[in-house]
Amino acid sequence: MITGLRAYGGNAMSFVQIIEFKTQDIGPMRATSDSWEKATEGKRTASRRMLARDHNDPDKYYALVFFDSYESAMKNSNLPETQAAAKAYAQLADGPPQFRDLDVIDEMN
């Protein structure tokens, strides 16, 4: 693990988690995300989330979740509401999800 990195401009490095999963029915997944968002209002540390579908495989999706830091992501992951949502996602997906944990080293707006 690389430690001590900072993004350009001296700001603390942010963190992105990408969750890849397959489902033939995205509706229940989106409903679970919406419920999680309401349940964690004022508690969650995720600053942004995005859902994308694979252009070449319409049953494959990617959830991108943005955090201020790895530590912030771990705090969010430990919320009981996040744990419950993760169990629901696992039951709704067509197989286990794949996780990618990314330290952001450069960002352009």
Protein backbone atom coordinates (compact mmCIF):
# COMPACT_ATOMS: atom_id res chain seq x y z
CA MET A 1 0.00 0.00 0.00
CA ILE A 2 1.27 3.45 -0.88
CA THR A 3 1.06 5.89 2.00
CA GLY A 4 1.65 9.59 2.24
CA LEU A 5 0.54 10.41 -1.31
CA ARG A 6 -1.21 13.67 -1.88
CA ALA A 7 -3.10 14.79 -4.95
CA TYR A 8 -1.65 17.63 -6.99
CA GLY A 9 -2.02 20.91 -5.17
CA GLY A 10 -1.19 19.37 -1.78
CA ASN A 11 -4.72 18.26 -0.90
CA ALA A 12 -5.27 15.02 0.97
CA MET A 13 -5.74 12.08 -1.36
CA SER A 14 -9.32 11.05 -2.01
CA PHE A 15 -10.57 7.50 -2.43
CA VAL A 16 -12.93 5.81 -4.89
CA GLN A 17 -14.47 2.38 -4.61
CA ILE A 18 -15.74 0.70 -7.75
CA ILE A 19 -18.16 -2.17 -7.28
CA GLU A 20 -18.75 -4.33 -10.34
CA PHE A 21 -21.82 -6.57 -10.35
CA LYS A 22 -24.25 -8.29 -12.70
CA THR A 23 -28.03 -8.27 -12.56
CA GLN A 24 -30.83 -8.70 -15.05
CA ASP A 25 -33.08 -6.37 -13.04
CA ILE A 26 -31.44 -3.13 -11.86
CA GLY A 27 -34.66 -1.77 -10.33
CA PRO A 28 -34.36 -3.50 -6.94
CA MET A 29 -30.68 -2.53 -6.72
CA ARG A 30 -31.53 1.11 -7.32
CA ALA A 31 -34.33 0.95 -4.75
CA THR A 32 -31.86 -0.48 -2.21
CA SER A 33 -29.44 2.38 -2.96
CA ASP A 34 -32.19 4.95 -2.54
CA SER A 35 -33.23 3.39 0.80
CA TRP A 36 -29.61 3.36 1.97
CA GLU A 37 -29.21 7.02 1.01
CA LYS A 38 -32.27 8.01 3.07
CA ALA A 39 -31.26 5.81 6.04
CA THR A 40 -27.73 7.25 6.19
CA GLU A 41 -28.64 10.92 5.79
CA GLY A 42 -26.30 12.91 8.04
CA LYS A 43 -24.17 9.83 8.82
CA ARG A 44 -22.67 8.61 5.56
CA THR A 45 -19.24 9.73 4.48
CA ALA A 46 -19.69 9.01 0.78
CA SER A 47 -19.55 12.36 -0.98
CA ARG A 48 -20.90 11.13 -4.31
CA ARG A 49 -22.11 7.97 -5.98
CA MET A 50 -22.58 7.05 -9.61
CA LEU A 51 -24.08 4.02 -11.33
CA ALA A 52 -22.95 3.04 -14.83
CA ARG A 53 -23.92 0.19 -17.14
CA ASP A 54 -21.43 -1.58 -19.36
CA HIS A 55 -22.10 -0.52 -22.94
CA ASN A 56 -21.20 -3.98 -24.30
CA ASP A 57 -22.80 -6.09 -21.55
CA PRO A 58 -26.17 -4.64 -20.46
CA ASP A 59 -26.38 -6.91 -17.39
CA LYS A 60 -23.05 -5.63 -15.98
CA TYR A 61 -23.00 -2.52 -13.79
CA TYR A 62 -20.46 -0.43 -11.95
CA ALA A 63 -21.20 1.54 -8.81
CA LEU A 64 -18.61 4.27 -8.22
CA VAL A 65 -18.57 5.69 -4.70
CA PHE A 66 -16.40 8.69 -3.84
CA PHE A 67 -14.90 9.52 -0.43
CA ASP A 68 -12.58 12.14 1.01
CA SER A 69 -10.15 9.41 2.14
CA TYR A 70 -9.72 5.67 2.67
CA GLU A 71 -10.43 6.19 6.37
CA SER A 72 -13.68 7.94 5.48
CA ALA A 73 -14.65 4.98 3.28
CA MET A 74 -13.99 2.54 6.12
CA LYS A 75 -16.14 4.61 8.49
CA ASN A 76 -18.95 4.51 5.93
CA SER A 77 -18.50 0.76 5.38
CA ASN A 78 -18.91 0.12 9.11
CA LEU A 79 -22.30 1.84 9.33
CA PRO A 80 -25.02 -0.72 10.18
CA GLU A 81 -27.10 0.64 7.29
CA THR A 82 -24.23 0.04 4.87
CA GLN A 83 -23.78 -3.50 6.16
CA ALA A 84 -27.51 -4.18 5.67
CA ALA A 85 -27.48 -2.70 2.16
CA ALA A 86 -24.44 -4.83 1.23
CA LYS A 87 -26.34 -7.98 2.25
CA ALA A 88 -29.33 -6.89 0.18
CA TYR A 89 -27.12 -6.17 -2.85
CA ALA A 90 -25.52 -9.62 -2.54
CA GLN A 91 -28.95 -11.28 -2.62
CA LEU A 92 -30.07 -9.23 -5.63
CA ALA A 93 -26.93 -9.61 -7.78
CA ASP A 94 -26.27 -12.47 -10.18
CA GLY A 95 -23.11 -13.62 -8.39
CA PRO A 96 -20.63 -12.01 -6.03
CA PRO A 97 -19.56 -8.40 -6.66
CA GLN A 98 -15.99 -7.42 -7.52
CA PHE A 99 -14.46 -4.52 -5.57
CA ARG A 100 -11.76 -2.11 -6.71
CA ASP A 101 -10.30 0.26 -4.10
CA LEU A 102 -8.59 3.25 -5.66
CA ASP A 103 -6.45 6.01 -4.19
CA VAL A 104 -6.90 9.11 -6.35
CA ILE A 105 -3.50 10.52 -7.26
CA ASP A 106 -4.59 13.05 -9.87
CA GLU A 107 -7.92 14.69 -10.62
CA MET A 108 -9.01 17.19 -13.25
CA ASN A 109 -12.33 19.04 -13.29
